[in-house]
Every structure is written in C-alpha cells, then in structure tokens.
C-alpha atoms as a PDB file:
ATOM      1  CA  MET A   1       0.038   0.040  -0.059  1.00  0.00           C
ATOM      2  CA  GLY A   2       1.527   3.307  -0.798  1.00  0.00           C
ATOM      3  CA  GLY A   3       1.532   6.638   0.902  1.00  0.00           C
ATOM      4  CA  TYR A   4       0.118   6.928   4.422  1.00  0.00           C
ATOM      5  CA  GLU A   5       0.434   4.784   7.645  1.00  0.00           C
ATOM      6  CA  LEU A   6      -2.360   4.699   9.948  1.00  0.00           C
ATOM      7  CA  GLY A   7      -1.346   4.978  13.673  1.00  0.00           C
ATOM      8  CA  GLY A   8       2.369   5.093  14.059  1.00  0.00           C
ATOM      9  CA  SER A   9       3.378   8.565  14.906  1.00  0.00           C
ATOM     10  CA  THR A  10       2.049  10.323  18.019  1.00  0.00           C
ATOM     11  CA  HIS A  11       3.791  13.711  17.302  1.00  0.00           C
ATOM     12  CA  ARG A  12       1.809  16.665  18.327  1.00  0.00           C
ATOM     13  CA  PHE A  13       0.107  18.584  15.556  1.00  0.00           C
ATOM     14  CA  ASN A  14      -2.014  21.728  15.294  1.00  0.00           C
ATOM     15  CA  LEU A  15      -5.707  20.788  14.934  1.00  0.00           C
ATOM     16  CA  ALA A  16      -6.701  24.282  13.710  1.00  0.00           C
ATOM     17  CA  PRO A  17      -4.922  27.202  12.356  1.00  0.00           C
ATOM     18  CA  LEU A  18      -4.158  30.085  14.697  1.00  0.00           C
ATOM     19  CA  VAL A  19      -7.078  32.526  14.777  1.00  0.00           C
ATOM     20  CA  GLN A  20      -6.478  36.268  15.019  1.00  0.00           C
ATOM     21  CA  LEU A  21      -8.227  37.656  18.154  1.00  0.00           C
ATOM     22  CA  ARG A  22      -9.894  40.891  18.071  1.00  0.00           C
ATOM     23  CA  LYS A  23      -8.561  41.441  21.508  1.00  0.00           C
ATOM     24  CA  PRO A  24      -5.765  39.500  23.014  1.00  0.00           C
ATOM     25  CA  LEU A  25      -6.530  37.374  25.964  1.00  0.00           C
ATOM     26  CA  THR A  26      -4.655  38.263  29.090  1.00  0.00           C
ATOM     27  CA  MET A  27      -3.483  35.789  31.705  1.00  0.00           C
ATOM     28  CA  GLN A  28      -5.413  37.574  34.547  1.00  0.00           C
ATOM     29  CA  ILE A  29      -5.751  36.018  37.962  1.00  0.00           C
ATOM     30  CA  THR A  30      -9.006  35.420  39.801  1.00  0.00           C
ATOM     31  CA  THR A  31      -9.004  37.436  42.990  1.00  0.00           C
ATOM     32  CA  SER A  32     -11.913  35.335  44.388  1.00  0.00           C
ATOM     33  CA  SER A  33      -9.419  32.340  44.731  1.00  0.00           C
ATOM     34  CA  LEU A  34      -6.976  34.715  46.600  1.00  0.00           C
ATOM     35  CA  ASN A  35      -9.739  35.995  48.678  1.00  0.00           C
ATOM     36  CA  HIS A  36     -10.643  32.554  49.595  1.00  0.00           C
ATOM     37  CA  LEU A  37      -7.032  31.766  50.372  1.00  0.00           C
ATOM     38  CA  ILE A  38      -6.888  34.977  52.675  1.00  0.00           C
ATOM     39  CA  ASP A  39      -9.962  33.655  54.494  1.00  0.00           C
ATOM     40  CA  VAL A  40      -8.386  30.281  55.085  1.00  0.00           C
ATOM     41  CA  LEU A  41      -4.853  31.238  55.662  1.00  0.00           C
ATOM     42  CA  GLY A  42      -4.779  34.832  56.512  1.00  0.00           C
ATOM     43  CA  PRO A  43      -3.164  37.582  54.470  1.00  0.00           C
ATOM     44  CA  ASP A  44       0.522  36.877  55.552  1.00  0.00           C
ATOM     45  CA  ASP A  45       0.439  33.216  54.778  1.00  0.00           C
ATOM     46  CA  THR A  46      -1.423  33.873  51.453  1.00  0.00           C
ATOM     47  CA  ARG A  47       1.287  36.455  50.556  1.00  0.00           C
ATOM     48  CA  GLU A  48       3.865  33.918  51.244  1.00  0.00           C
ATOM     49  CA  LEU A  49       2.181  31.125  49.368  1.00  0.00           C
ATOM     50  CA  VAL A  50       1.801  33.394  46.258  1.00  0.00           C
ATOM     51  CA  GLN A  51       5.389  34.207  46.483  1.00  0.00           C
ATOM     52  CA  ILE A  52       6.366  30.725  46.842  1.00  0.00           C
ATOM     53  CA  TYR A  53       4.219  29.915  43.851  1.00  0.00           C
ATOM     54  CA  LEU A  54       5.802  32.598  41.612  1.00  0.00           C
ATOM     55  CA  ASP A  55       9.410  31.561  42.551  1.00  0.00           C
ATOM     56  CA  GLN A  56       8.760  27.810  42.337  1.00  0.00           C
ATOM     57  CA  THR A  57       6.897  28.111  38.971  1.00  0.00           C
ATOM     58  CA  ALA A  58       9.642  30.101  37.487  1.00  0.00           C
ATOM     59  CA  ARG A  59      12.326  27.444  38.525  1.00  0.00           C
ATOM     60  CA  GLU A  60      10.218  24.708  37.164  1.00  0.00           C
ATOM     61  CA  LEU A  61       9.859  26.457  33.851  1.00  0.00           C
ATOM     62  CA  ASP A  62      13.554  27.230  33.654  1.00  0.00           C
ATOM     63  CA  ARG A  63      14.457  23.393  33.932  1.00  0.00           C
ATOM     64  CA  LEU A  64      11.421  22.078  31.795  1.00  0.00           C
ATOM     65  CA  GLY A  65      13.605  21.960  28.575  1.00  0.00           C
ATOM     66  CA  THR A  66      16.295  19.721  30.336  1.00  0.00           C
ATOM     67  CA  LEU A  67      13.711  17.088  31.200  1.00  0.00           C
ATOM     68  CA  PRO A  68      12.460  13.962  29.556  1.00  0.00           C
ATOM     69  CA  LEU A  69       8.865  13.565  28.433  1.00  0.00           C
ATOM     70  CA  SER A  70       7.856  11.747  31.544  1.00  0.00           C
ATOM     71  CA  LYS A  71       9.198  14.324  33.908  1.00  0.00           C
ATOM     72  CA  GLN A  72       7.688  17.197  31.792  1.00  0.00           C
ATOM     73  CA  MET A  73       4.379  15.684  32.221  1.00  0.00           C
ATOM     74  CA  ILE A  74       4.770  15.569  35.919  1.00  0.00           C
ATOM     75  CA  VAL A  75       5.941  19.132  36.048  1.00  0.00           C
ATOM     76  CA  ILE A  76       3.167  20.358  33.810  1.00  0.00           C
ATOM     77  CA  HIS A  77       0.565  18.531  35.883  1.00  0.00           C
ATOM     78  CA  GLY A  78       1.924  20.117  38.966  1.00  0.00           C
ATOM     79  CA  LEU A  79       1.961  23.540  37.422  1.00  0.00           C
ATOM     80  CA  LYS A  80      -1.646  23.081  36.353  1.00  0.00           C
ATOM     81  CA  GLY A  81      -2.752  22.346  39.985  1.00  0.00           C
ATOM     82  CA  SER A  82      -0.975  24.971  41.764  1.00  0.00           C
ATOM     83  CA  SER A  83      -1.901  27.454  39.320  1.00  0.00           C
ATOM     84  CA  TYR A  84      -5.539  26.572  39.522  1.00  0.00           C
ATOM     85  CA  GLN A  85      -5.364  26.751  43.350  1.00  0.00           C
ATOM     86  CA  VAL A  86      -3.902  30.334  43.404  1.00  0.00           C
ATOM     87  CA  GLY A  87      -6.376  31.594  40.751  1.00  0.00           C
ATOM     88  CA  ALA A  88      -4.058  31.584  37.756  1.00  0.00           C
ATOM     89  CA  LEU A  89      -7.018  29.893  35.676  1.00  0.00           C
ATOM     90  CA  LEU A  90      -6.015  30.813  32.191  1.00  0.00           C
ATOM     91  CA  PHE A  91      -2.356  29.544  32.907  1.00  0.00           C
ATOM     92  CA  ALA A  92      -3.710  26.463  34.454  1.00  0.00           C
ATOM     93  CA  ALA A  93      -5.741  25.776  31.327  1.00  0.00           C
ATOM     94  CA  GLN A  94      -2.680  26.379  29.252  1.00  0.00           C
ATOM     95  CA  CYS A  95      -0.889  23.879  31.309  1.00  0.00           C
ATOM     96  CA  GLY A  96      -3.763  21.474  31.120  1.00  0.00           C
ATOM     97  CA  ALA A  97      -3.819  21.646  27.317  1.00  0.00           C
ATOM     98  CA  LEU A  98      -0.078  20.829  27.168  1.00  0.00           C
ATOM     99  CA  GLU A  99      -0.478  18.115  29.596  1.00  0.00           C
ATOM    100  CA  SER A 100      -3.053  16.408  27.409  1.00  0.00           C
ATOM    101  CA  GLN A 101      -0.872  16.799  24.365  1.00  0.00           C
ATOM    102  CA  LEU A 102       2.080  15.392  26.115  1.00  0.00           C
ATOM    103  CA  ARG A 103       0.093  12.465  27.330  1.00  0.00           C
ATOM    104  CA  ASN A 104      -0.798  11.420  23.815  1.00  0.00           C
ATOM    105  CA  SER A 105       2.743  12.057  22.508  1.00  0.00           C
ATOM    106  CA  ASP A 106       6.111  10.750  22.191  1.00  0.00           C
ATOM    107  CA  ALA A 107       7.906  14.126  21.725  1.00  0.00           C
ATOM    108  CA  VAL A 108       9.057  16.463  24.578  1.00  0.00           C
ATOM    109  CA  LEU A 109       7.914  20.051  24.611  1.00  0.00           C
ATOM    110  CA  THR A 110       9.297  22.075  21.619  1.00  0.00           C
ATOM    111  CA  PRO A 111      11.209  25.407  22.342  1.00  0.00           C
ATOM    112  CA  GLU A 112       8.189  27.171  20.999  1.00  0.00           C
ATOM    113  CA  GLU A 113       5.920  25.389  23.321  1.00  0.00           C
ATOM    114  CA  ARG A 114       8.097  26.354  26.241  1.00  0.00           C
ATOM    115  CA  VAL A 115       8.412  29.911  25.251  1.00  0.00           C
ATOM    116  CA  ALA A 116       4.642  30.293  25.031  1.00  0.00           C
ATOM    117  CA  LEU A 117       4.272  28.584  28.372  1.00  0.00           C
ATOM    118  CA  ARG A 118       6.658  31.069  29.758  1.00  0.00           C
ATOM    119  CA  ALA A 119       5.089  34.047  28.351  1.00  0.00           C
ATOM    120  CA  GLY A 120       1.589  32.990  29.793  1.00  0.00           C
ATOM    121  CA  PHE A 121       3.230  32.534  33.168  1.00  0.00           C
ATOM    122  CA  ASP A 122       5.045  35.803  32.939  1.00  0.00           C
ATOM    123  CA  GLU A 123       1.904  37.644  32.146  1.00  0.00           C
ATOM    124  CA  CYS A 124       0.010  36.151  34.977  1.00  0.00           C
ATOM    125  CA  ALA A 125       2.952  36.706  37.206  1.00  0.00           C
ATOM    126  CA  LEU A 126       2.730  40.464  36.614  1.00  0.00           C
ATOM    127  CA  HIS A 127      -0.892  40.377  37.891  1.00  0.00           C
ATOM    128  CA  PHE A 128       0.287  38.544  41.045  1.00  0.00           C
ATOM    129  CA  LYS A 129       2.975  41.071  41.581  1.00  0.00           C
ATOM    130  CA  THR A 130       0.555  43.977  41.330  1.00  0.00           C
ATOM    131  CA  TRP A 131      -1.671  42.273  43.705  1.00  0.00           C
ATOM    132  CA  LEU A 132       1.080  41.737  46.216  1.00  0.00           C
ATOM    133  CA  VAL A 133       2.016  45.293  45.951  1.00  0.00           C
ATOM    134  CA  GLY A 134      -1.586  46.161  46.699  1.00  0.00           C
ATOM    135  CA  LEU A 135      -1.597  43.778  49.734  1.00  0.00           C
ATOM    136  CA  GLY A 136       1.357  45.727  51.182  1.00  0.00           C
ATOM    137  CA  THR A 137       4.318  43.390  50.284  1.00  0.00           C
END
C-alpha cells in the first residue's frame, strides 16, 4: 500500500490554524481564589504562598527543557494544579492543554511551546506582583 500509515506517529500537531483575536486574551488572576485563600490562611500566609508559587513556577519552567517527556508531564501537571489553586486559571488551562498533548505524544515540549508557556506565566506573574503590592508587600 503506498503513501500513508495509520497509527504510528504520536507527534503533536495543530488541529486548527491560529485565529487572530480581536482582543488578546490576558492571563489575569481570579481574586476570588486569592480572597478564599486569605479567608483560610490569613493575609500573611497567602502572601507567602503566592510568592512561593511565583518563585517555584519560574524555577520549574527554567528546567523544563532539560527534562525527559515523563518528567515534563509531571511538572506540567503540578503547574496546572498549583496555578488553579492560586487563581491563575488561564495559565492552568494552558498547562492542562499541554499536559493532554504530552500524554498523547512521544515528543518533549518544543522550544516554541516552552516559550509560549513562559510567556503565559510571565503575564499572570505581573498580575500577582501587582496584587502583592496592593496587599502591602
């Protein structure tokens, strides 16, 4: 049979072309999640938790390119969960989408995927830093 093999490759591919958005999405944070954390932990511990999240996420993203696929999946899963807990819902969704792609793939994250992930985090980190300043950090 010539031409195409069914099955075989599990490399990721784009399912749809990129769509030009009228207004870019921003990786905002949900303050309701932060307010809930303040109710449970208090403002000082919440402030510390957010700072730990920012520091640890940046470190994990820095090392992501050096990891094999199985470890990348673990890191992305962890980033998804911790981002959801602190209210970085769009970044958590970005991590979730990558996690699904990695689960069905035999390829590590591409440099472009890592850059996009870092850009998403950097954008929501700016919102957290603004929030921290408003909280008196």
